Amino acid sequence: MPPNPNGKRILIMGLNNSGKSTFAELLRRKLQCPYFNADIIRAQFQDTDFTIKGRHRQARRMKILCDWSLRLGHDYAIADFICPTTRTRQLFNADHMVFLDTVDRTPYLDTQAMFTIPTLYTDRDMRILFKKDFEDEVNKFIWNFLKKSERR
């Protein structure tokens, strides 16, 4: 596969238990692309540092993994992680974001304290308010955001 200069990084973000992994896995199946789950990546790197510095490192790591996949020729690469601050979102630099705003509390007080609602752009990002069967939401995201950007 040659590198894909038009490949897109997709960030699936939200608090713990918001449905990020479920949504990301459904999307991965539809797009047939690489998918990186933060919990798995942290375990592989033996990195349990949840300080601001550790979260920045994780955002950079997730971006590098997605960029590597795009350089291998994939059209899309999906990352699923909390991405709690504006800075972590800047470091990841998503082409598209899905914010799963389905829970308002996390048992992790440090995450709750630093979490900020992301700025969403209507032509590229999606916000989901209810935890449910995400199949329809995945299809809406593909059609309204990914296919739309391909048509431009």
N, C-alpha and C. Protein backbone atom coordinates (compact mmCIF):
# COMPACT_ATOMS: atom_id res chain seq x y z
N MET A 1 0.83 -1.18 0.00
CA MET A 1 0.00 0.00 0.00
C MET A 1 0.88 1.25 0.00
N PRO A 2 0.68 2.17 -0.94
CA PRO A 2 1.46 3.42 -0.91
C PRO A 2 0.92 4.36 0.17
N PRO A 3 1.75 5.31 0.64
CA PRO A 3 1.26 6.26 1.64
C PRO A 3 0.03 7.01 1.14
N ASN A 4 -0.86 7.37 2.04
CA ASN A 4 -2.08 8.08 1.68
C ASN A 4 -2.01 9.50 2.21
N PRO A 5 -1.67 10.48 1.33
CA PRO A 5 -1.55 11.86 1.81
C PRO A 5 -2.90 12.46 2.23
N ASN A 6 -3.99 11.82 1.82
CA ASN A 6 -5.33 12.31 2.17
C ASN A 6 -5.96 11.53 3.31
N GLY A 7 -5.19 10.65 3.95
CA GLY A 7 -5.73 9.86 5.06
C GLY A 7 -6.16 10.75 6.22
N LYS A 8 -7.12 10.27 6.98
CA LYS A 8 -7.72 11.06 8.06
C LYS A 8 -7.59 10.38 9.41
N ARG A 9 -7.18 11.17 10.43
CA ARG A 9 -7.18 10.72 11.82
C ARG A 9 -8.56 11.00 12.40
N ILE A 10 -9.17 9.98 13.01
CA ILE A 10 -10.48 10.12 13.63
C ILE A 10 -10.32 9.89 15.14
N LEU A 11 -10.75 10.88 15.93
CA LEU A 11 -10.70 10.78 17.38
C LEU A 11 -12.10 10.47 17.91
N ILE A 12 -12.22 9.38 18.66
CA ILE A 12 -13.44 9.05 19.37
C ILE A 12 -13.16 9.36 20.84
N MET A 13 -13.82 10.36 21.40
CA MET A 13 -13.47 10.82 22.74
C MET A 13 -14.70 10.98 23.63
N GLY A 14 -14.45 10.98 24.93
CA GLY A 14 -15.50 11.16 25.93
C GLY A 14 -15.02 10.58 27.24
N LEU A 15 -15.82 10.77 28.27
CA LEU A 15 -15.46 10.25 29.60
C LEU A 15 -15.52 8.72 29.64
N ASN A 16 -15.04 8.16 30.73
CA ASN A 16 -15.08 6.71 30.95
C ASN A 16 -16.51 6.21 30.80
N ASN A 17 -16.66 5.06 30.21
CA ASN A 17 -17.96 4.38 30.05
C ASN A 17 -18.96 5.16 29.20
N SER A 18 -18.47 5.99 28.30
CA SER A 18 -19.37 6.74 27.43
C SER A 18 -19.73 5.97 26.16
N GLY A 19 -18.99 4.89 25.88
CA GLY A 19 -19.25 4.09 24.68
C GLY A 19 -18.20 4.26 23.59
N LYS A 20 -17.07 4.86 23.94
CA LYS A 20 -16.02 5.12 22.95
C LYS A 20 -15.57 3.86 22.22
N SER A 21 -15.24 2.84 22.97
CA SER A 21 -14.71 1.61 22.36
C SER A 21 -15.76 0.91 21.51
N THR A 22 -17.00 0.92 21.95
CA THR A 22 -18.09 0.30 21.19
C THR A 22 -18.26 1.03 19.87
N PHE A 23 -18.32 2.36 19.92
CA PHE A 23 -18.48 3.16 18.71
C PHE A 23 -17.28 2.96 17.78
N ALA A 24 -16.07 3.03 18.35
CA ALA A 24 -14.86 2.91 17.54
C ALA A 24 -14.77 1.55 16.85
N GLU A 25 -15.13 0.51 17.54
CA GLU A 25 -15.07 -0.83 16.95
C GLU A 25 -16.08 -0.97 15.81
N LEU A 26 -17.27 -0.45 15.98
CA LEU A 26 -18.26 -0.46 14.88
C LEU A 26 -17.75 0.33 13.68
N LEU A 27 -17.17 1.48 13.94
CA LEU A 27 -16.63 2.31 12.87
C LEU A 27 -15.47 1.60 12.17
N ARG A 28 -14.60 0.98 12.95
CA ARG A 28 -13.46 0.25 12.37
C ARG A 28 -13.94 -0.84 11.42
N ARG A 29 -14.96 -1.57 11.84
CA ARG A 29 -15.49 -2.63 10.98
C ARG A 29 -16.02 -2.09 9.66
N LYS A 30 -16.71 -0.96 9.73
CA LYS A 30 -17.28 -0.37 8.51
C LYS A 30 -16.19 0.19 7.60
N LEU A 31 -15.18 0.82 8.18
CA LEU A 31 -14.14 1.45 7.38
C LEU A 31 -12.98 0.53 7.05
N GLN A 32 -12.90 -0.62 7.75
CA GLN A 32 -11.78 -1.55 7.53
C GLN A 32 -10.44 -0.82 7.66
N CYS A 33 -10.25 -0.20 8.83
CA CYS A 33 -9.04 0.58 9.04
C CYS A 33 -8.45 0.29 10.42
N PRO A 34 -7.23 0.72 10.67
CA PRO A 34 -6.62 0.53 11.99
C PRO A 34 -7.38 1.30 13.07
N TYR A 35 -7.38 0.70 14.25
CA TYR A 35 -8.06 1.29 15.41
C TYR A 35 -7.16 1.10 16.62
N PHE A 36 -6.92 2.21 17.33
CA PHE A 36 -6.05 2.19 18.50
C PHE A 36 -6.85 2.58 19.74
N ASN A 37 -6.93 1.66 20.69
CA ASN A 37 -7.63 1.88 21.95
C ASN A 37 -6.61 2.29 23.00
N ALA A 38 -6.87 3.37 23.70
CA ALA A 38 -5.91 3.93 24.66
C ALA A 38 -5.52 2.95 25.75
N ASP A 39 -6.49 2.20 26.25
CA ASP A 39 -6.17 1.25 27.33
C ASP A 39 -5.18 0.19 26.86
N ILE A 40 -5.39 -0.31 25.67
CA ILE A 40 -4.49 -1.34 25.11
C ILE A 40 -3.11 -0.74 24.84
N ILE A 41 -3.09 0.45 24.27
CA ILE A 41 -1.80 1.09 23.96
C ILE A 41 -1.03 1.40 25.25
N ARG A 42 -1.71 1.93 26.25
CA ARG A 42 -1.04 2.20 27.53
C ARG A 42 -0.45 0.91 28.11
N ALA A 43 -1.20 -0.18 28.05
CA ALA A 43 -0.71 -1.47 28.56
C ALA A 43 0.51 -1.92 27.77
N GLN A 44 0.48 -1.79 26.46
CA GLN A 44 1.61 -2.21 25.63
C GLN A 44 2.87 -1.40 25.95
N PHE A 45 2.68 -0.12 26.27
CA PHE A 45 3.82 0.73 26.60
C PHE A 45 4.11 0.76 28.10
N GLN A 46 3.34 0.00 28.87
CA GLN A 46 3.48 -0.05 30.33
C GLN A 46 3.51 1.36 30.91
N ASP A 47 2.55 2.15 30.48
CA ASP A 47 2.48 3.56 30.87
C ASP A 47 1.18 3.81 31.63
N THR A 48 1.29 3.98 32.94
CA THR A 48 0.10 4.25 33.76
C THR A 48 0.16 5.66 34.36
N ASP A 49 0.86 6.55 33.68
CA ASP A 49 1.01 7.93 34.14
C ASP A 49 -0.17 8.76 33.63
N PHE A 50 -1.06 9.16 34.56
CA PHE A 50 -2.24 9.94 34.18
C PHE A 50 -2.11 11.41 34.60
N THR A 51 -0.86 11.85 34.84
CA THR A 51 -0.63 13.27 35.08
C THR A 51 -0.84 14.01 33.76
N ILE A 52 -0.82 15.32 33.80
CA ILE A 52 -0.93 16.10 32.56
C ILE A 52 0.17 15.69 31.58
N LYS A 53 1.39 15.57 32.09
CA LYS A 53 2.52 15.18 31.24
C LYS A 53 2.27 13.80 30.61
N GLY A 54 1.78 12.85 31.40
CA GLY A 54 1.49 11.51 30.89
C GLY A 54 0.37 11.52 29.86
N ARG A 55 -0.63 12.36 30.06
CA ARG A 55 -1.74 12.45 29.10
C ARG A 55 -1.27 13.09 27.79
N HIS A 56 -0.38 14.06 27.89
CA HIS A 56 0.18 14.66 26.67
C HIS A 56 1.00 13.62 25.90
N ARG A 57 1.79 12.85 26.63
CA ARG A 57 2.58 11.79 25.99
C ARG A 57 1.65 10.80 25.28
N GLN A 58 0.55 10.43 25.93
CA GLN A 58 -0.39 9.48 25.34
C GLN A 58 -1.04 10.08 24.09
N ALA A 59 -1.39 11.34 24.11
CA ALA A 59 -1.99 11.98 22.92
C ALA A 59 -1.00 11.97 21.75
N ARG A 60 0.26 12.29 22.04
CA ARG A 60 1.29 12.24 20.99
C ARG A 60 1.47 10.81 20.46
N ARG A 61 1.49 9.86 21.37
CA ARG A 61 1.65 8.45 21.00
C ARG A 61 0.51 7.99 20.09
N MET A 62 -0.72 8.33 20.45
CA MET A 62 -1.87 7.93 19.65
C MET A 62 -1.80 8.58 18.25
N LYS A 63 -1.36 9.83 18.20
CA LYS A 63 -1.21 10.51 16.90
C LYS A 63 -0.15 9.81 16.05
N ILE A 64 0.97 9.48 16.65
CA ILE A 64 2.06 8.81 15.92
C ILE A 64 1.57 7.48 15.35
N LEU A 65 0.84 6.71 16.15
CA LEU A 65 0.32 5.42 15.67
C LEU A 65 -0.65 5.61 14.51
N CYS A 66 -1.52 6.60 14.61
CA CYS A 66 -2.45 6.87 13.51
C CYS A 66 -1.69 7.34 12.26
N ASP A 67 -0.75 8.25 12.45
CA ASP A 67 0.02 8.76 11.31
C ASP A 67 0.80 7.64 10.62
N TRP A 68 1.35 6.75 11.41
CA TRP A 68 2.07 5.60 10.86
C TRP A 68 1.13 4.76 9.98
N SER A 69 -0.08 4.54 10.46
CA SER A 69 -1.06 3.76 9.69
C SER A 69 -1.42 4.46 8.39
N LEU A 70 -1.56 5.77 8.44
CA LEU A 70 -1.89 6.52 7.22
C LEU A 70 -0.72 6.49 6.23
N ARG A 71 0.49 6.56 6.76
CA ARG A 71 1.66 6.46 5.87
C ARG A 71 1.76 5.09 5.21
N LEU A 72 1.18 4.08 5.86
CA LEU A 72 1.16 2.75 5.26
C LEU A 72 0.08 2.62 4.18
N GLY A 73 -0.72 3.68 4.00
CA GLY A 73 -1.68 3.70 2.91
C GLY A 73 -3.14 3.59 3.30
N HIS A 74 -3.44 3.51 4.58
CA HIS A 74 -4.85 3.43 5.00
C HIS A 74 -5.54 4.77 4.80
N ASP A 75 -6.83 4.72 4.50
CA ASP A 75 -7.62 5.94 4.32
C ASP A 75 -7.94 6.61 5.64
N TYR A 76 -8.11 5.80 6.68
CA TYR A 76 -8.49 6.30 8.00
C TYR A 76 -7.71 5.56 9.08
N ALA A 77 -7.55 6.23 10.22
CA ALA A 77 -7.02 5.60 11.42
C ALA A 77 -7.82 6.16 12.59
N ILE A 78 -8.29 5.28 13.45
CA ILE A 78 -9.17 5.66 14.55
C ILE A 78 -8.41 5.54 15.87
N ALA A 79 -8.56 6.56 16.72
CA ALA A 79 -8.03 6.52 18.08
C ALA A 79 -9.19 6.74 19.04
N ASP A 80 -9.24 5.93 20.08
CA ASP A 80 -10.30 6.03 21.09
C ASP A 80 -9.63 6.30 22.42
N PHE A 81 -9.79 7.52 22.93
CA PHE A 81 -9.29 7.84 24.27
C PHE A 81 -10.01 9.06 24.83
N ILE A 82 -9.92 9.23 26.13
CA ILE A 82 -10.66 10.29 26.82
C ILE A 82 -10.30 11.66 26.26
N CYS A 83 -9.04 11.92 26.04
CA CYS A 83 -8.55 13.18 25.47
C CYS A 83 -9.20 14.37 26.21
N PRO A 84 -8.89 14.53 27.51
CA PRO A 84 -9.70 15.39 28.37
C PRO A 84 -9.53 16.90 28.24
N THR A 85 -8.44 17.35 27.63
CA THR A 85 -8.18 18.79 27.62
C THR A 85 -8.04 19.32 26.19
N THR A 86 -8.15 20.62 26.09
CA THR A 86 -7.92 21.26 24.79
C THR A 86 -6.52 20.92 24.28
N ARG A 87 -5.54 20.94 25.17
CA ARG A 87 -4.16 20.66 24.75
C ARG A 87 -4.00 19.22 24.25
N THR A 88 -4.60 18.24 24.91
CA THR A 88 -4.47 16.86 24.41
C THR A 88 -5.13 16.73 23.05
N ARG A 89 -6.22 17.44 22.83
CA ARG A 89 -6.87 17.40 21.52
C ARG A 89 -6.02 18.10 20.46
N GLN A 90 -5.36 19.19 20.85
CA GLN A 90 -4.44 19.86 19.92
C GLN A 90 -3.28 18.95 19.55
N LEU A 91 -2.74 18.26 20.53
CA LEU A 91 -1.60 17.36 20.27
C LEU A 91 -2.00 16.22 19.32
N PHE A 92 -3.20 15.68 19.49
CA PHE A 92 -3.65 14.61 18.60
C PHE A 92 -3.99 15.15 17.22
N ASN A 93 -4.58 16.32 17.15
CA ASN A 93 -4.86 17.01 15.89
C ASN A 93 -5.73 16.17 14.94
N ALA A 94 -6.92 15.86 15.39
CA ALA A 94 -7.84 15.01 14.61
C ALA A 94 -8.37 15.74 13.38
N ASP A 95 -8.58 14.97 12.34
CA ASP A 95 -9.27 15.49 11.16
C ASP A 95 -10.78 15.47 11.39
N HIS A 96 -11.23 14.48 12.17
CA HIS A 96 -12.64 14.35 12.55
C HIS A 96 -12.69 13.90 14.00
N MET A 97 -13.72 14.38 14.72
CA MET A 97 -13.87 14.00 16.12
C MET A 97 -15.32 13.59 16.37
N VAL A 98 -15.47 12.52 17.16
CA VAL A 98 -16.78 12.12 17.65
C VAL A 98 -16.70 12.22 19.17
N PHE A 99 -17.51 13.13 19.72
CA PHE A 99 -17.55 13.33 21.16
C PHE A 99 -18.76 12.60 21.71
N LEU A 100 -18.49 11.55 22.49
CA LEU A 100 -19.57 10.78 23.12
C LEU A 100 -19.89 11.44 24.46
N ASP A 101 -20.88 12.30 24.42
CA ASP A 101 -21.30 13.07 25.59
C ASP A 101 -22.47 12.35 26.26
N THR A 102 -22.24 11.09 26.60
CA THR A 102 -23.32 10.22 27.09
C THR A 102 -23.29 10.02 28.59
N VAL A 103 -22.23 10.45 29.25
CA VAL A 103 -22.14 10.39 30.72
C VAL A 103 -21.62 11.74 31.19
N ASP A 104 -22.00 12.13 32.40
CA ASP A 104 -21.54 13.43 32.89
C ASP A 104 -20.58 13.32 34.08
N ARG A 105 -20.29 12.10 34.50
CA ARG A 105 -19.40 11.88 35.64
C ARG A 105 -18.49 10.68 35.36
N THR A 106 -17.30 10.76 35.92
CA THR A 106 -16.37 9.64 35.89
C THR A 106 -15.94 9.36 37.32
N PRO A 107 -15.65 8.12 37.66
CA PRO A 107 -15.18 7.84 39.02
C PRO A 107 -13.76 8.38 39.29
N TYR A 108 -13.09 8.82 38.24
CA TYR A 108 -11.71 9.31 38.38
C TYR A 108 -11.73 10.82 38.55
N LEU A 109 -11.53 11.27 39.78
CA LEU A 109 -11.68 12.69 40.10
C LEU A 109 -10.70 13.58 39.35
N ASP A 110 -9.47 13.09 39.10
CA ASP A 110 -8.51 13.90 38.36
C ASP A 110 -8.98 14.12 36.92
N THR A 111 -9.54 13.08 36.32
CA THR A 111 -10.07 13.21 34.96
C THR A 111 -11.26 14.16 34.95
N GLN A 112 -12.16 13.99 35.91
CA GLN A 112 -13.34 14.87 36.01
C GLN A 112 -12.92 16.33 36.13
N ALA A 113 -11.91 16.59 36.95
CA ALA A 113 -11.48 17.96 37.20
C ALA A 113 -10.88 18.62 35.96
N MET A 114 -10.18 17.85 35.14
CA MET A 114 -9.51 18.46 33.98
C MET A 114 -10.32 18.40 32.70
N PHE A 115 -11.39 17.61 32.66
CA PHE A 115 -12.13 17.41 31.42
C PHE A 115 -12.83 18.69 30.98
N THR A 116 -12.62 19.06 29.73
CA THR A 116 -13.30 20.22 29.14
C THR A 116 -14.08 19.76 27.92
N ILE A 117 -15.24 20.36 27.74
CA ILE A 117 -16.07 20.05 26.58
C ILE A 117 -15.32 20.53 25.34
N PRO A 118 -15.21 19.68 24.31
CA PRO A 118 -14.45 20.09 23.13
C PRO A 118 -15.22 21.08 22.25
N THR A 119 -14.47 21.86 21.51
CA THR A 119 -15.04 22.68 20.46
C THR A 119 -15.28 21.76 19.27
N LEU A 120 -16.49 21.74 18.77
CA LEU A 120 -16.83 20.89 17.64
C LEU A 120 -17.10 21.76 16.42
N TYR A 121 -16.69 21.28 15.27
CA TYR A 121 -16.90 21.99 14.01
C TYR A 121 -17.98 21.26 13.22
N THR A 122 -19.01 21.98 12.84
CA THR A 122 -20.20 21.34 12.27
C THR A 122 -19.94 20.57 10.98
N ASP A 123 -18.91 20.94 10.26
CA ASP A 123 -18.66 20.27 8.98
C ASP A 123 -17.75 19.05 9.11
N ARG A 124 -17.26 18.75 10.31
CA ARG A 124 -16.33 17.61 10.43
C ARG A 124 -16.47 16.79 11.70
N ASP A 125 -17.18 17.31 12.71
CA ASP A 125 -17.25 16.64 14.01
C ASP A 125 -18.68 16.30 14.38
N MET A 126 -18.83 15.35 15.31
CA MET A 126 -20.15 14.87 15.71
C MET A 126 -20.21 14.74 17.22
N ARG A 127 -21.35 15.05 17.78
CA ARG A 127 -21.59 14.89 19.22
C ARG A 127 -22.75 13.91 19.40
N ILE A 128 -22.56 12.93 20.25
CA ILE A 128 -23.60 11.94 20.53
C ILE A 128 -24.00 12.10 21.99
N LEU A 129 -25.29 12.27 22.23
CA LEU A 129 -25.79 12.57 23.57
C LEU A 129 -26.32 11.37 24.33
N PHE A 130 -26.68 10.30 23.63
CA PHE A 130 -27.31 9.17 24.31
C PHE A 130 -26.56 7.89 24.01
N LYS A 131 -26.35 7.09 25.04
CA LYS A 131 -25.73 5.78 24.88
C LYS A 131 -26.82 4.82 24.41
N LYS A 132 -26.58 4.20 23.28
CA LYS A 132 -27.57 3.30 22.70
C LYS A 132 -26.85 2.41 21.70
N ASP A 133 -27.62 1.75 20.88
CA ASP A 133 -27.04 1.01 19.78
C ASP A 133 -26.44 2.05 18.83
N PHE A 134 -25.14 2.04 18.66
CA PHE A 134 -24.46 3.09 17.90
C PHE A 134 -24.45 2.85 16.39
N GLU A 135 -25.04 1.78 15.93
CA GLU A 135 -24.99 1.46 14.49
C GLU A 135 -25.48 2.63 13.63
N ASP A 136 -26.63 3.20 13.97
CA ASP A 136 -27.15 4.34 13.19
C ASP A 136 -26.23 5.55 13.27
N GLU A 137 -25.68 5.78 14.46
CA GLU A 137 -24.79 6.93 14.64
C GLU A 137 -23.50 6.76 13.82
N VAL A 138 -22.98 5.55 13.77
CA VAL A 138 -21.78 5.28 12.97
C VAL A 138 -22.09 5.55 11.49
N ASN A 139 -23.22 5.06 11.02
CA ASN A 139 -23.61 5.30 9.63
C ASN A 139 -23.78 6.78 9.34
N LYS A 140 -24.39 7.52 10.26
CA LYS A 140 -24.55 8.97 10.09
C LYS A 140 -23.18 9.65 10.01
N PHE A 141 -22.26 9.25 10.89
CA PHE A 141 -20.92 9.85 10.88
C PHE A 141 -20.23 9.60 9.54
N ILE A 142 -20.29 8.37 9.07
CA ILE A 142 -19.64 8.05 7.79
C ILE A 142 -20.26 8.87 6.67
N TRP A 143 -21.57 8.88 6.59
CA TRP A 143 -22.24 9.56 5.48
C TRP A 143 -22.13 11.08 5.59
N ASN A 144 -22.38 11.63 6.76
CA ASN A 144 -22.45 13.09 6.90
C ASN A 144 -21.09 13.77 7.02
N PHE A 145 -20.06 13.04 7.45
CA PHE A 145 -18.78 13.69 7.66
C PHE A 145 -17.67 13.13 6.79
N LEU A 146 -17.54 11.82 6.72
CA LEU A 146 -16.44 11.25 5.93
C LEU A 146 -16.74 11.31 4.45
N LYS A 147 -17.89 10.86 4.04
CA LYS A 147 -18.23 10.86 2.61
C LYS A 147 -18.41 12.30 2.10
N LYS A 148 -18.93 13.16 2.95
CA LYS A 148 -19.11 14.57 2.59
C LYS A 148 -17.75 15.22 2.31
N SER A 149 -16.75 14.93 3.17
CA SER A 149 -15.42 15.54 2.97
C SER A 149 -14.74 14.96 1.73
N GLU A 150 -15.06 13.71 1.38
CA GLU A 150 -14.50 13.12 0.17
C GLU A 150 -15.06 13.78 -1.08
N ARG A 151 -16.31 14.25 -1.00
CA ARG A 151 -16.97 14.86 -2.17
C ARG A 151 -16.46 16.27 -2.44
N ARG A 152 -15.82 16.89 -1.45
CA ARG A 152 -15.36 18.28 -1.64
C ARG A 152 -14.18 18.35 -2.56
